[in-house]
Amino acid sequence: MSSREISIDTAPAKRAHAASGLRRVTLIPIIAGLLTAASFLVLIYQENRSVQYRIEATEVWSAHQLKIVQSQIEEDPNLKAQYTEEQDVLRQRAQELETRAAMPGMLLCFPPTQPCFFC
């Protein structure tokens, strides 16, 4: 047998199999790292949404308090009733936003008012 002939029964075929096993072993930590990075991104997203809901709730509560003052100052009964209705709507919206901000897991639910499987 000359040195240029290739034999099928040689060891390089076994080494190729061992190399693919080594690739699998190194692939597992890479996948775990990517999943960890993705979970951190989701966590950061949820925290940012929670802060946004808190800011929006604060703004709505401010508008609610403004309507309270306007309804107390106003002499016209029609405007007073309108301010009271707007005040109730703003109070409900602010309470909803505060609830969402307190429950970061709910931020990924679609629609946000319905609880999802993960919550």
Protein backbone atom coordinates (compact mmCIF):
# COMPACT_ATOMS: atom_id res chain seq x y z
CA MET A 1 0.00 0.00 0.00
CA SER A 2 1.50 3.31 -1.02
CA SER A 3 1.57 6.37 1.21
CA ARG A 4 -0.88 8.19 -1.09
CA GLU A 5 -3.69 5.68 -0.68
CA ILE A 6 -6.29 6.45 1.96
CA SER A 7 -7.59 3.74 4.21
CA ILE A 8 -11.13 3.96 5.59
CA ASP A 9 -10.28 2.06 8.76
CA THR A 10 -7.88 4.65 10.14
CA ALA A 11 -8.25 6.71 13.31
CA PRO A 12 -9.08 10.14 11.77
CA ALA A 13 -12.73 9.10 11.39
CA LYS A 14 -12.89 8.53 15.14
CA ARG A 15 -11.21 11.87 15.83
CA ALA A 16 -13.84 13.69 13.78
CA HIS A 17 -16.53 12.16 15.95
CA ALA A 18 -14.68 13.17 19.10
CA ALA A 19 -14.36 16.72 17.79
CA SER A 20 -18.13 16.96 17.23
CA GLY A 21 -18.66 15.78 20.82
CA LEU A 22 -16.32 18.52 21.98
CA ARG A 23 -18.33 21.04 19.97
CA ARG A 24 -21.51 19.91 21.74
CA VAL A 25 -19.87 20.38 25.11
CA THR A 26 -18.81 23.92 24.25
CA LEU A 27 -22.18 24.71 22.68
CA ILE A 28 -24.12 24.13 25.92
CA PRO A 29 -22.46 26.97 27.90
CA ILE A 30 -22.85 29.28 24.91
CA ILE A 31 -26.59 28.58 24.75
CA ALA A 32 -26.90 29.00 28.52
CA GLY A 33 -25.10 32.35 28.28
CA LEU A 34 -27.41 33.53 25.50
CA LEU A 35 -30.48 32.53 27.50
CA THR A 36 -29.12 34.37 30.53
CA ALA A 37 -28.50 37.49 28.46
CA ALA A 38 -32.02 37.28 27.03
CA SER A 39 -33.51 36.97 30.51
CA PHE A 40 -31.57 40.05 31.65
CA LEU A 41 -32.90 41.99 28.66
CA VAL A 42 -36.46 40.99 29.54
CA LEU A 43 -35.87 41.99 33.17
CA ILE A 44 -34.53 45.40 32.13
CA TYR A 45 -37.50 45.87 29.78
CA GLN A 46 -39.95 45.04 32.57
CA GLU A 47 -38.28 47.41 35.00
CA ASN A 48 -38.34 50.23 32.44
CA ARG A 49 -42.03 49.62 31.75
CA SER A 50 -42.71 49.60 35.48
CA VAL A 51 -41.01 52.98 35.87
CA GLN A 52 -43.00 54.34 32.92
CA TYR A 53 -46.25 53.18 34.52
CA ARG A 54 -45.26 54.81 37.82
CA ILE A 55 -44.54 58.11 36.06
CA GLU A 56 -47.82 57.96 34.15
CA ALA A 57 -49.70 57.11 37.36
CA THR A 58 -48.16 60.14 39.07
CA GLU A 59 -49.24 62.38 36.21
CA VAL A 60 -52.77 60.98 36.28
CA TRP A 61 -52.98 61.45 40.05
CA SER A 62 -51.93 65.08 39.58
CA ALA A 63 -54.69 65.58 37.03
CA HIS A 64 -57.11 63.87 39.43
CA GLN A 65 -56.19 66.27 42.22
CA LEU A 66 -56.58 69.21 39.84
CA LYS A 67 -60.12 68.06 39.03
CA ILE A 68 -60.86 67.88 42.77
CA VAL A 69 -59.80 71.50 43.19
CA GLN A 70 -61.69 72.59 40.07
CA SER A 71 -64.89 70.88 41.22
CA GLN A 72 -64.66 72.55 44.63
CA ILE A 73 -64.04 76.01 43.16
CA GLU A 74 -66.59 75.82 40.33
CA GLU A 75 -69.99 77.39 40.94
CA ASP A 76 -71.76 76.00 37.86
CA PRO A 77 -73.45 72.66 38.73
CA ASN A 78 -73.01 71.27 35.20
CA LEU A 79 -69.25 71.88 35.22
CA LYS A 80 -69.06 70.59 38.78
CA ALA A 81 -70.70 67.31 37.69
CA GLN A 82 -68.39 67.08 34.67
CA TYR A 83 -65.32 67.58 36.85
CA THR A 84 -66.56 64.93 39.27
CA GLU A 85 -67.02 62.42 36.43
CA GLU A 86 -63.57 63.21 35.04
CA GLN A 87 -62.17 62.87 38.53
CA ASP A 88 -63.60 59.34 38.85
CA VAL A 89 -62.20 58.31 35.46
CA LEU A 90 -58.76 59.67 36.35
CA ARG A 91 -58.80 57.95 39.75
CA GLN A 92 -59.62 54.58 38.15
CA ARG A 93 -56.89 55.02 35.53
CA ALA A 94 -54.31 55.99 38.16
CA GLN A 95 -55.19 52.96 40.29
CA GLU A 96 -54.87 50.70 37.24
CA LEU A 97 -51.44 52.14 36.42
CA GLU A 98 -50.25 51.75 40.00
CA THR A 99 -51.36 48.11 39.95
CA ARG A 100 -49.46 47.50 36.71
CA ALA A 101 -46.35 49.19 38.08
CA ALA A 102 -46.47 47.03 41.20
CA MET A 103 -46.75 43.79 39.17
CA PRO A 104 -43.84 43.71 36.68
CA GLY A 105 -44.73 40.19 35.49
CA MET A 106 -47.96 41.55 34.06
CA LEU A 107 -46.06 43.81 31.70
CA LEU A 108 -45.57 41.05 29.17
CA CYS A 109 -49.24 40.03 29.14
CA PHE A 110 -51.22 40.84 26.02
CA PRO A 111 -53.69 42.44 26.42
CA PRO A 112 -52.26 43.95 29.60
CA THR A 113 -55.59 43.83 31.45
CA GLN A 114 -55.83 40.03 31.15
CA PRO A 115 -53.57 37.81 33.28
CA CYS A 116 -51.43 35.44 31.26
CA PHE A 117 -50.10 31.95 31.90
CA PHE A 118 -46.77 33.27 33.23
CA CYS A 119 -48.22 35.71 35.79
